[in-house]
């Protein structure tokens, strides 16, 4: 479990979260083996079927994934009553953001031939996706150097739902994450992917767009580990459908220090994404969440 650290003094004092380094974790995968195997099989089938897809078809998937990831970040959330928010209802500025995210993803996939999964690459992705007036004062392409907090509109550092690591702790935590991403490991790549996504979101290294960058990072890690051959997984579409569960499972790790429920959700969401947008796995009645 991570630790909470008090920063500053007096009236300005606040408490921020510092996640446990992933190298210090011991994850019991004995109860996850079925879900790991099912997710691996689904990704293998997607890898095989997409091997003949054209560049245009892959580009269309990148655009759709970018649209879903943007809608998730903009809280254009899935409705069980079928009220969706297609890009045709977005403003010109919204459309531009979706295009920038697609361009950043395309750049990142190509850059894997020259760069490892590292801070430099993620900063480049962030810069490319955060062009435009909305991000003018949010330091595109740079890690933050000031406190950040998440919660209901109007909340402060003192009553926020979550306060990521302060800048000094953030730099150290990201350095440890970068090392974990690139080191050799006997751990299942899918379990590593789940841990990496959680840790990146817990660190929240940018002022804005951390969710979008984190979801691109997941695609890149799956490509790097050969679980995907092409960036054709519409994971954000599934997270969009189950947004409440997605955020709740991430938050539960902060609160309890238990990673297994999050990893299980991650595996199920990847499997559902690999099997296509019309599949429905996570809400099957036989699934019981601890």
C-alpha atoms as a PDB file:
ATOM      1  CA  UNK A   1       0.000   0.000   0.000  1.00  0.00           C
ATOM      2  CA  UNK A   2       1.210   3.513  -0.711  1.00  0.00           C
ATOM      3  CA  UNK A   3       1.946   6.109   1.923  1.00  0.00           C
ATOM      4  CA  UNK A   4       0.517   9.533   2.644  1.00  0.00           C
ATOM      5  CA  UNK A   5       2.924  12.394   3.104  1.00  0.00           C
ATOM      6  CA  UNK A   6       2.288  15.795   4.642  1.00  0.00           C
ATOM      7  CA  UNK A   7       3.580  18.722   2.616  1.00  0.00           C
ATOM      8  CA  UNK A   8       4.130  22.347   3.615  1.00  0.00           C
ATOM      9  CA  UNK A   9       3.102  23.705   7.033  1.00  0.00           C
ATOM     10  CA  UNK A  10       0.411  25.650   8.799  1.00  0.00           C
ATOM     11  CA  UNK A  11      -2.651  26.694   6.822  1.00  0.00           C
ATOM     12  CA  UNK A  12      -0.977  25.630   3.568  1.00  0.00           C
ATOM     13  CA  UNK A  13      -0.373  22.048   4.738  1.00  0.00           C
ATOM     14  CA  UNK A  14      -1.859  19.235   2.671  1.00  0.00           C
ATOM     15  CA  UNK A  15      -1.433  15.460   2.366  1.00  0.00           C
ATOM     16  CA  UNK A  16      -0.473  13.736  -0.860  1.00  0.00           C
ATOM     17  CA  UNK A  17      -0.324  10.061  -1.836  1.00  0.00           C
ATOM     18  CA  UNK A  18       2.902   8.264  -2.731  1.00  0.00           C
ATOM     19  CA  UNK A  19       2.309   4.888  -4.430  1.00  0.00           C
ATOM     20  CA  UNK A  20       4.419   1.885  -3.506  1.00  0.00           C
ATOM     21  CA  UNK A  21       7.137   1.226  -6.126  1.00  0.00           C
ATOM     22  CA  UNK A  22       6.032  -1.644  -8.354  1.00  0.00           C
ATOM     23  CA  UNK A  23       9.332  -3.432  -7.810  1.00  0.00           C
ATOM     24  CA  UNK A  24       8.439  -3.727  -4.115  1.00  0.00           C
ATOM     25  CA  UNK A  25       5.131  -5.509  -4.774  1.00  0.00           C
ATOM     26  CA  UNK A  26       4.390  -9.211  -4.509  1.00  0.00           C
ATOM     27  CA  UNK A  27       1.307 -10.039  -6.565  1.00  0.00           C
ATOM     28  CA  UNK A  28      -0.473 -13.343  -6.020  1.00  0.00           C
ATOM     29  CA  UNK A  29      -1.615 -14.351  -9.519  1.00  0.00           C
ATOM     30  CA  UNK A  30      -2.920 -17.794  -8.509  1.00  0.00           C
ATOM     31  CA  UNK A  31      -6.484 -16.476  -8.520  1.00  0.00           C
ATOM     32  CA  UNK A  32      -5.976 -14.592 -11.777  1.00  0.00           C
ATOM     33  CA  UNK A  33      -4.661 -17.326 -14.043  1.00  0.00           C
ATOM     34  CA  UNK A  34      -7.994 -18.019 -15.746  1.00  0.00           C
ATOM     35  CA  UNK A  35      -8.486 -14.339 -16.574  1.00  0.00           C
ATOM     36  CA  UNK A  36      -4.888 -13.969 -17.761  1.00  0.00           C
ATOM     37  CA  UNK A  37      -5.301 -16.927 -20.121  1.00  0.00           C
ATOM     38  CA  UNK A  38      -8.651 -15.696 -21.470  1.00  0.00           C
ATOM     39  CA  UNK A  39      -7.257 -12.198 -22.095  1.00  0.00           C
ATOM     40  CA  UNK A  40      -4.153 -13.626 -23.787  1.00  0.00           C
ATOM     41  CA  UNK A  41      -6.324 -15.812 -26.040  1.00  0.00           C
ATOM     42  CA  UNK A  42      -8.560 -12.895 -26.992  1.00  0.00           C
ATOM     43  CA  UNK A  43      -5.564 -10.712 -27.817  1.00  0.00           C
ATOM     44  CA  UNK A  44      -4.024 -13.543 -29.853  1.00  0.00           C
ATOM     45  CA  UNK A  45      -7.200 -13.836 -31.933  1.00  0.00           C
ATOM     46  CA  UNK A  46      -7.239 -10.075 -32.473  1.00  0.00           C
ATOM     47  CA  UNK A  47      -3.561 -10.143 -33.430  1.00  0.00           C
ATOM     48  CA  UNK A  48      -4.212 -12.870 -35.995  1.00  0.00           C
ATOM     49  CA  UNK A  49      -7.319 -11.286 -37.494  1.00  0.00           C
ATOM     50  CA  UNK A  50      -5.743  -7.827 -37.734  1.00  0.00           C
ATOM     51  CA  UNK A  51      -2.622  -9.107 -39.496  1.00  0.00           C
ATOM     52  CA  UNK A  52      -4.286  -8.496 -42.877  1.00  0.00           C
ATOM     53  CA  UNK A  53      -5.829  -5.115 -42.062  1.00  0.00           C
ATOM     54  CA  UNK A  54      -4.752  -2.219 -44.209  1.00  0.00           C
ATOM     55  CA  UNK A  55      -3.074   0.918 -42.924  1.00  0.00           C
ATOM     56  CA  UNK A  56      -6.312   2.803 -43.524  1.00  0.00           C
ATOM     57  CA  UNK A  57      -8.252   0.299 -41.397  1.00  0.00           C
ATOM     58  CA  UNK A  58      -5.720   0.610 -38.583  1.00  0.00           C
ATOM     59  CA  UNK A  59      -5.878   4.399 -38.833  1.00  0.00           C
ATOM     60  CA  UNK A  60      -9.653   4.241 -38.498  1.00  0.00           C
ATOM     61  CA  UNK A  61      -9.308   2.209 -35.278  1.00  0.00           C
ATOM     62  CA  UNK A  62      -6.796   4.705 -33.898  1.00  0.00           C
ATOM     63  CA  UNK A  63      -9.264   7.502 -34.609  1.00  0.00           C
ATOM     64  CA  UNK A  64     -12.126   5.637 -32.893  1.00  0.00           C
ATOM     65  CA  UNK A  65      -9.967   4.772 -29.891  1.00  0.00           C
ATOM     66  CA  UNK A  66      -8.907   8.413 -29.653  1.00  0.00           C
ATOM     67  CA  UNK A  67     -12.518   9.554 -29.794  1.00  0.00           C
ATOM     68  CA  UNK A  68     -13.522   7.168 -27.006  1.00  0.00           C
ATOM     69  CA  UNK A  69     -10.523   8.113 -24.862  1.00  0.00           C
ATOM     70  CA  UNK A  70     -11.287  11.804 -25.321  1.00  0.00           C
ATOM     71  CA  UNK A  71     -14.966  11.289 -24.460  1.00  0.00           C
ATOM     72  CA  UNK A  72     -13.975   9.407 -21.310  1.00  0.00           C
ATOM     73  CA  UNK A  73     -11.704  12.259 -20.250  1.00  0.00           C
ATOM     74  CA  UNK A  74     -14.366  14.847 -21.131  1.00  0.00           C
ATOM     75  CA  UNK A  75     -16.999  12.922 -19.147  1.00  0.00           C
ATOM     76  CA  UNK A  76     -19.057  12.257 -22.268  1.00  0.00           C
ATOM     77  CA  UNK A  77     -19.948   8.986 -20.642  1.00  0.00           C
ATOM     78  CA  UNK A  78     -21.762   5.875 -21.821  1.00  0.00           C
ATOM     79  CA  UNK A  79     -25.478   5.733 -21.120  1.00  0.00           C
ATOM     80  CA  UNK A  80     -27.216   2.400 -20.482  1.00  0.00           C
ATOM     81  CA  UNK A  81     -30.236   3.914 -22.229  1.00  0.00           C
ATOM     82  CA  UNK A  82     -28.358   4.255 -25.486  1.00  0.00           C
ATOM     83  CA  UNK A  83     -27.763   7.998 -25.372  1.00  0.00           C
ATOM     84  CA  UNK A  84     -24.290   8.248 -26.880  1.00  0.00           C
ATOM     85  CA  UNK A  85     -22.129  11.196 -27.786  1.00  0.00           C
ATOM     86  CA  UNK A  86     -20.739  10.620 -31.305  1.00  0.00           C
ATOM     87  CA  UNK A  87     -18.068  12.948 -32.617  1.00  0.00           C
ATOM     88  CA  UNK A  88     -20.628  14.618 -34.903  1.00  0.00           C
ATOM     89  CA  UNK A  89     -22.011  16.295 -31.753  1.00  0.00           C
ATOM     90  CA  UNK A  90     -18.613  17.670 -30.746  1.00  0.00           C
ATOM     91  CA  UNK A  91     -17.519  21.235 -31.291  1.00  0.00           C
ATOM     92  CA  UNK A  92     -14.749  22.106 -33.724  1.00  0.00           C
ATOM     93  CA  UNK A  93     -12.365  22.441 -30.752  1.00  0.00           C
ATOM     94  CA  UNK A  94     -13.399  18.981 -29.509  1.00  0.00           C
ATOM     95  CA  UNK A  95     -12.858  17.504 -32.966  1.00  0.00           C
ATOM     96  CA  UNK A  96      -9.419  19.073 -33.078  1.00  0.00           C
ATOM     97  CA  UNK A  97      -8.514  17.495 -29.718  1.00  0.00           C
ATOM     98  CA  UNK A  98      -9.594  14.067 -30.959  1.00  0.00           C
ATOM     99  CA  UNK A  99      -7.513  14.534 -34.101  1.00  0.00           C
ATOM    100  CA  UNK A 100      -4.502  15.619 -32.044  1.00  0.00           C
ATOM    101  CA  UNK A 101      -4.840  12.522 -29.853  1.00  0.00           C
ATOM    102  CA  UNK A 102      -4.988  10.279 -32.936  1.00  0.00           C
ATOM    103  CA  UNK A 103      -1.928  12.004 -34.373  1.00  0.00           C
ATOM    104  CA  UNK A 104      -0.065  11.623 -31.069  1.00  0.00           C
ATOM    105  CA  UNK A 105      -0.898   7.917 -30.969  1.00  0.00           C
ATOM    106  CA  UNK A 106       0.265   7.402 -34.558  1.00  0.00           C
ATOM    107  CA  UNK A 107       3.495   9.249 -33.780  1.00  0.00           C
ATOM    108  CA  UNK A 108       4.073   7.157 -30.634  1.00  0.00           C
ATOM    109  CA  UNK A 109       3.599   3.837 -32.432  1.00  0.00           C
ATOM    110  CA  UNK A 110       6.193   4.848 -35.014  1.00  0.00           C
ATOM    111  CA  UNK A 111       8.552   6.236 -32.370  1.00  0.00           C
ATOM    112  CA  UNK A 112       8.805   2.831 -30.650  1.00  0.00           C
ATOM    113  CA  UNK A 113      11.410   1.929 -33.277  1.00  0.00           C
ATOM    114  CA  UNK A 114      13.700   4.645 -31.920  1.00  0.00           C
ATOM    115  CA  UNK A 115      12.691   5.351 -28.325  1.00  0.00           C
ATOM    116  CA  UNK A 116      12.002   3.115 -25.317  1.00  0.00           C
ATOM    117  CA  UNK A 117       8.863   3.609 -23.245  1.00  0.00           C
ATOM    118  CA  UNK A 118      10.230   6.518 -21.272  1.00  0.00           C
ATOM    119  CA  UNK A 119       9.467   9.989 -19.975  1.00  0.00           C
ATOM    120  CA  UNK A 120      10.747  11.620 -23.151  1.00  0.00           C
ATOM    121  CA  UNK A 121       8.319   9.656 -25.313  1.00  0.00           C
ATOM    122  CA  UNK A 122       5.363  10.362 -23.022  1.00  0.00           C
ATOM    123  CA  UNK A 123       6.206  14.066 -22.951  1.00  0.00           C
ATOM    124  CA  UNK A 124       6.264  14.103 -26.756  1.00  0.00           C
ATOM    125  CA  UNK A 125       2.860  12.385 -26.821  1.00  0.00           C
ATOM    126  CA  UNK A 126       1.482  14.884 -24.320  1.00  0.00           C
ATOM    127  CA  UNK A 127       2.791  17.830 -26.333  1.00  0.00           C
ATOM    128  CA  UNK A 128       1.202  16.568 -29.545  1.00  0.00           C
ATOM    129  CA  UNK A 129      -2.191  15.851 -27.987  1.00  0.00           C
ATOM    130  CA  UNK A 130      -2.348  19.071 -25.968  1.00  0.00           C
ATOM    131  CA  UNK A 131      -2.110  21.611 -28.747  1.00  0.00           C
ATOM    132  CA  UNK A 132      -4.676  24.390 -28.691  1.00  0.00           C
ATOM    133  CA  UNK A 133      -5.883  27.216 -26.486  1.00  0.00           C
ATOM    134  CA  UNK A 134      -7.376  24.896 -23.843  1.00  0.00           C
ATOM    135  CA  UNK A 135      -3.896  23.730 -22.843  1.00  0.00           C
ATOM    136  CA  UNK A 136      -1.979  26.972 -23.224  1.00  0.00           C
ATOM    137  CA  UNK A 137      -1.373  27.268 -19.460  1.00  0.00           C
ATOM    138  CA  UNK A 138      -1.113  23.528 -18.772  1.00  0.00           C
ATOM    139  CA  UNK A 139       2.498  23.070 -19.875  1.00  0.00           C
ATOM    140  CA  UNK A 140       2.130  20.699 -22.860  1.00  0.00           C
ATOM    141  CA  UNK A 141       5.005  18.246 -23.017  1.00  0.00           C
ATOM    142  CA  UNK A 142       6.235  18.955 -19.489  1.00  0.00           C
ATOM    143  CA  UNK A 143       5.849  17.164 -16.178  1.00  0.00           C
ATOM    144  CA  UNK A 144       4.139  19.262 -13.553  1.00  0.00           C
ATOM    145  CA  UNK A 145       6.093  21.127 -10.887  1.00  0.00           C
ATOM    146  CA  UNK A 146       3.146  22.063  -8.677  1.00  0.00           C
ATOM    147  CA  UNK A 147       0.514  20.194  -6.626  1.00  0.00           C
ATOM    148  CA  UNK A 148      -2.474  18.633  -8.360  1.00  0.00           C
ATOM    149  CA  UNK A 149      -5.734  17.383  -6.890  1.00  0.00           C
ATOM    150  CA  UNK A 150      -8.755  15.467  -8.132  1.00  0.00           C
ATOM    151  CA  UNK A 151     -12.325  15.595  -6.893  1.00  0.00           C
ATOM    152  CA  UNK A 152     -15.661  17.361  -7.198  1.00  0.00           C
ATOM    153  CA  UNK A 153     -15.776  20.784  -8.794  1.00  0.00           C
ATOM    154  CA  UNK A 154     -14.700  23.433  -6.314  1.00  0.00           C
ATOM    155  CA  UNK A 155     -12.698  21.107  -4.056  1.00  0.00           C
ATOM    156  CA  UNK A 156      -9.282  22.097  -2.724  1.00  0.00           C
ATOM    157  CA  UNK A 157      -6.068  20.373  -1.723  1.00  0.00           C
ATOM    158  CA  UNK A 158      -7.568  19.864   1.739  1.00  0.00           C
ATOM    159  CA  UNK A 159     -10.811  18.129   0.724  1.00  0.00           C
ATOM    160  CA  UNK A 160      -9.956  16.573  -2.646  1.00  0.00           C
ATOM    161  CA  UNK A 161     -10.816  12.943  -3.355  1.00  0.00           C
ATOM    162  CA  UNK A 162      -7.238  12.234  -4.366  1.00  0.00           C
ATOM    163  CA  UNK A 163      -3.977  14.193  -4.245  1.00  0.00           C
ATOM    164  CA  UNK A 164      -1.196  12.616  -6.363  1.00  0.00           C
ATOM    165  CA  UNK A 165       2.452  12.772  -5.288  1.00  0.00           C
ATOM    166  CA  UNK A 166       3.934  16.249  -4.887  1.00  0.00           C
ATOM    167  CA  UNK A 167       6.504  17.208  -7.504  1.00  0.00           C
ATOM    168  CA  UNK A 168       9.589  15.819  -5.720  1.00  0.00           C
ATOM    169  CA  UNK A 169       7.878  12.516  -4.886  1.00  0.00           C
ATOM    170  CA  UNK A 170       6.370  12.445  -8.373  1.00  0.00           C
ATOM    171  CA  UNK A 171       9.764  12.618 -10.087  1.00  0.00           C
ATOM    172  CA  UNK A 172      11.094   9.762  -7.954  1.00  0.00           C
ATOM    173  CA  UNK A 173       7.959   7.660  -8.459  1.00  0.00           C
ATOM    174  CA  UNK A 174       8.008   8.130 -12.224  1.00  0.00           C
ATOM    175  CA  UNK A 175      11.691   7.206 -12.402  1.00  0.00           C
ATOM    176  CA  UNK A 176      10.899   3.939 -10.602  1.00  0.00           C
ATOM    177  CA  UNK A 177       7.956   3.307 -12.952  1.00  0.00           C
ATOM    178  CA  UNK A 178      10.138   3.928 -16.006  1.00  0.00           C
ATOM    179  CA  UNK A 179      12.619   1.355 -14.698  1.00  0.00           C
ATOM    180  CA  UNK A 180       9.832  -1.189 -14.073  1.00  0.00           C
ATOM    181  CA  UNK A 181       8.459  -0.723 -17.606  1.00  0.00           C
ATOM    182  CA  UNK A 182      11.799  -1.433 -19.251  1.00  0.00           C
ATOM    183  CA  UNK A 183      13.316  -4.112 -17.018  1.00  0.00           C
ATOM    184  CA  UNK A 184      13.243  -7.828 -17.756  1.00  0.00           C
ATOM    185  CA  UNK A 185      10.622  -9.651 -15.712  1.00  0.00           C
ATOM    186  CA  UNK A 186       9.125 -13.119 -15.292  1.00  0.00           C
ATOM    187  CA  UNK A 187       5.768 -11.548 -14.395  1.00  0.00           C
ATOM    188  CA  UNK A 188       2.914 -11.952 -16.877  1.00  0.00           C
ATOM    189  CA  UNK A 189       3.046  -9.024 -19.350  1.00  0.00           C
ATOM    190  CA  UNK A 190      -0.684  -8.477 -18.829  1.00  0.00           C
ATOM    191  CA  UNK A 191      -0.286  -8.216 -15.067  1.00  0.00           C
ATOM    192  CA  UNK A 192       2.594  -5.812 -15.640  1.00  0.00           C
ATOM    193  CA  UNK A 193       0.400  -3.780 -18.002  1.00  0.00           C
ATOM    194  CA  UNK A 194      -2.299  -3.519 -15.332  1.00  0.00           C
ATOM    195  CA  UNK A 195       0.209  -2.384 -12.719  1.00  0.00           C
ATOM    196  CA  UNK A 196       1.803   0.137 -15.086  1.00  0.00           C
ATOM    197  CA  UNK A 197      -1.538   1.723 -15.933  1.00  0.00           C
ATOM    198  CA  UNK A 198      -2.494   2.024 -12.277  1.00  0.00           C
ATOM    199  CA  UNK A 199       0.892   3.429 -11.298  1.00  0.00           C
ATOM    200  CA  UNK A 200       0.930   6.020 -14.074  1.00  0.00           C
ATOM    201  CA  UNK A 201      -2.532   7.257 -13.129  1.00  0.00           C
ATOM    202  CA  UNK A 202      -1.584   7.303  -9.441  1.00  0.00           C
ATOM    203  CA  UNK A 203       1.501   9.407 -10.202  1.00  0.00           C
ATOM    204  CA  UNK A 204      -0.400  11.793 -12.527  1.00  0.00           C
ATOM    205  CA  UNK A 205       2.767  13.446 -13.856  1.00  0.00           C
ATOM    206  CA  UNK A 206       1.041  16.039 -16.093  1.00  0.00           C
ATOM    207  CA  UNK A 207      -1.225  18.936 -15.203  1.00  0.00           C
ATOM    208  CA  UNK A 208      -3.906  17.566 -17.548  1.00  0.00           C
ATOM    209  CA  UNK A 209      -4.591  14.676 -19.969  1.00  0.00           C
ATOM    210  CA  UNK A 210      -3.053  11.977 -17.754  1.00  0.00           C
ATOM    211  CA  UNK A 211      -5.857   9.534 -18.531  1.00  0.00           C
ATOM    212  CA  UNK A 212      -5.395   9.892 -22.277  1.00  0.00           C
ATOM    213  CA  UNK A 213      -1.619   9.539 -22.028  1.00  0.00           C
ATOM    214  CA  UNK A 214      -2.001   6.526 -19.733  1.00  0.00           C
ATOM    215  CA  UNK A 215      -4.295   4.774 -22.199  1.00  0.00           C
ATOM    216  CA  UNK A 216      -1.843   5.406 -25.057  1.00  0.00           C
ATOM    217  CA  UNK A 217       0.918   4.049 -22.802  1.00  0.00           C
ATOM    218  CA  UNK A 218      -1.102   0.859 -22.360  1.00  0.00           C
ATOM    219  CA  UNK A 219      -1.356   0.400 -26.135  1.00  0.00           C
ATOM    220  CA  UNK A 220       2.372   0.995 -26.508  1.00  0.00           C
ATOM    221  CA  UNK A 221       3.247  -1.522 -23.794  1.00  0.00           C
ATOM    222  CA  UNK A 222       1.065  -4.169 -25.437  1.00  0.00           C
ATOM    223  CA  UNK A 223       2.839  -3.479 -28.737  1.00  0.00           C
ATOM    224  CA  UNK A 224       6.262  -3.534 -27.101  1.00  0.00           C
ATOM    225  CA  UNK A 225       5.581  -6.916 -25.489  1.00  0.00           C
ATOM    226  CA  UNK A 226       4.133  -8.301 -28.756  1.00  0.00           C
ATOM    227  CA  UNK A 227       0.711  -8.909 -27.260  1.00  0.00           C
ATOM    228  CA  UNK A 228      -0.446  -6.694 -30.113  1.00  0.00           C
ATOM    229  CA  UNK A 229       1.136  -6.327 -33.529  1.00  0.00           C
ATOM    230  CA  UNK A 230      -0.907  -3.273 -34.507  1.00  0.00           C
ATOM    231  CA  UNK A 231      -2.640  -0.543 -32.431  1.00  0.00           C
ATOM    232  CA  UNK A 232      -6.128  -1.963 -33.017  1.00  0.00           C
ATOM    233  CA  UNK A 233      -7.450  -2.456 -29.471  1.00  0.00           C
ATOM    234  CA  UNK A 234     -10.411  -0.216 -28.621  1.00  0.00           C
ATOM    235  CA  UNK A 235      -9.825  -0.372 -24.881  1.00  0.00           C
ATOM    236  CA  UNK A 236     -11.181   3.121 -24.203  1.00  0.00           C
ATOM    237  CA  UNK A 237     -14.536   2.098 -25.632  1.00  0.00           C
ATOM    238  CA  UNK A 238     -14.843  -0.553 -22.911  1.00  0.00           C
ATOM    239  CA  UNK A 239     -13.631   1.798 -20.180  1.00  0.00           C
ATOM    240  CA  UNK A 240     -16.163   4.331 -21.439  1.00  0.00           C
ATOM    241  CA  UNK A 241     -18.930   1.737 -21.016  1.00  0.00           C
ATOM    242  CA  UNK A 242     -17.804   0.827 -17.509  1.00  0.00           C
ATOM    243  CA  UNK A 243     -16.391   4.181 -16.409  1.00  0.00           C
ATOM    244  CA  UNK A 244     -17.747   3.952 -12.856  1.00  0.00           C
ATOM    245  CA  UNK A 245     -16.077   0.582 -12.327  1.00  0.00           C
ATOM    246  CA  UNK A 246     -12.853   1.788 -13.975  1.00  0.00           C
ATOM    247  CA  UNK A 247     -12.423   4.765 -11.670  1.00  0.00           C
ATOM    248  CA  UNK A 248     -13.665   2.877  -8.608  1.00  0.00           C
ATOM    249  CA  UNK A 249     -11.130   0.084  -9.058  1.00  0.00           C
ATOM    250  CA  UNK A 250      -8.258   2.546  -9.465  1.00  0.00           C
ATOM    251  CA  UNK A 251      -9.375   4.435  -6.375  1.00  0.00           C
ATOM    252  CA  UNK A 252      -9.752   1.210  -4.422  1.00  0.00           C
ATOM    253  CA  UNK A 253      -6.064   0.445  -4.865  1.00  0.00           C
ATOM    254  CA  UNK A 254      -5.200   3.815  -3.296  1.00  0.00           C
ATOM    255  CA  UNK A 255      -7.537   3.093  -0.385  1.00  0.00           C
ATOM    256  CA  UNK A 256      -6.788  -0.570   0.327  1.00  0.00           C
ATOM    257  CA  UNK A 257      -3.425  -1.419  -1.183  1.00  0.00           C
ATOM    258  CA  UNK A 258      -5.032  -4.452  -2.856  1.00  0.00           C
ATOM    259  CA  UNK A 259      -4.119  -4.725  -6.515  1.00  0.00           C
ATOM    260  CA  UNK A 260      -5.812  -7.995  -7.464  1.00  0.00           C
ATOM    261  CA  UNK A 261      -9.366  -6.613  -7.992  1.00  0.00           C
ATOM    262  CA  UNK A 262      -7.979  -3.889 -10.263  1.00  0.00           C
ATOM    263  CA  UNK A 263      -5.897  -6.417 -12.214  1.00  0.00           C
ATOM    264  CA  UNK A 264      -8.964  -8.622 -12.655  1.00  0.00           C
ATOM    265  CA  UNK A 265     -11.005  -5.698 -13.992  1.00  0.00           C
ATOM    266  CA  UNK A 266      -8.117  -4.757 -16.281  1.00  0.00           C
ATOM    267  CA  UNK A 267      -7.908  -8.292 -17.701  1.00  0.00           C
ATOM    268  CA  UNK A 268     -11.656  -8.488 -18.265  1.00  0.00           C
ATOM    269  CA  UNK A 269     -11.745  -5.086 -19.931  1.00  0.00           C
ATOM    270  CA  UNK A 270      -8.884  -6.010 -22.268  1.00  0.00           C
ATOM    271  CA  UNK A 271     -10.574  -9.272 -23.171  1.00  0.00           C
ATOM    272  CA  UNK A 272     -13.855  -7.509 -23.911  1.00  0.00           C
ATOM    273  CA  UNK A 273     -12.048  -4.905 -26.020  1.00  0.00           C
ATOM    274  CA  UNK A 274     -10.218  -7.622 -27.969  1.00  0.00           C
ATOM    275  CA  UNK A 275     -13.450  -9.486 -28.646  1.00  0.00           C
ATOM    276  CA  UNK A 276     -15.091  -6.381 -30.068  1.00  0.00           C
ATOM    277  CA  UNK A 277     -17.402  -3.549 -29.014  1.00  0.00           C
ATOM    278  CA  UNK A 278     -20.505  -5.767 -29.121  1.00  0.00           C
ATOM    279  CA  UNK A 279     -19.224  -8.254 -26.529  1.00  0.00           C
ATOM    280  CA  UNK A 280     -20.264  -8.049 -22.880  1.00  0.00           C
ATOM    281  CA  UNK A 281     -18.128  -9.757 -20.287  1.00  0.00           C
ATOM    282  CA  UNK A 282     -17.689  -7.543 -17.263  1.00  0.00           C
ATOM    283  CA  UNK A 283     -21.349  -7.463 -16.273  1.00  0.00           C
ATOM    284  CA  UNK A 284     -21.969 -11.196 -16.605  1.00  0.00           C
ATOM    285  CA  UNK A 285     -24.088 -12.286 -13.588  1.00  0.00           C
ATOM    286  CA  UNK A 286     -21.672 -14.994 -12.506  1.00  0.00           C
ATOM    287  CA  UNK A 287     -18.869 -12.526 -11.891  1.00  0.00           C
ATOM    288  CA  UNK A 288     -18.576 -11.586  -8.233  1.00  0.00           C
ATOM    289  CA  UNK A 289     -16.386  -8.668  -7.306  1.00  0.00           C
ATOM    290  CA  UNK A 290     -14.717  -8.716  -3.907  1.00  0.00           C
END
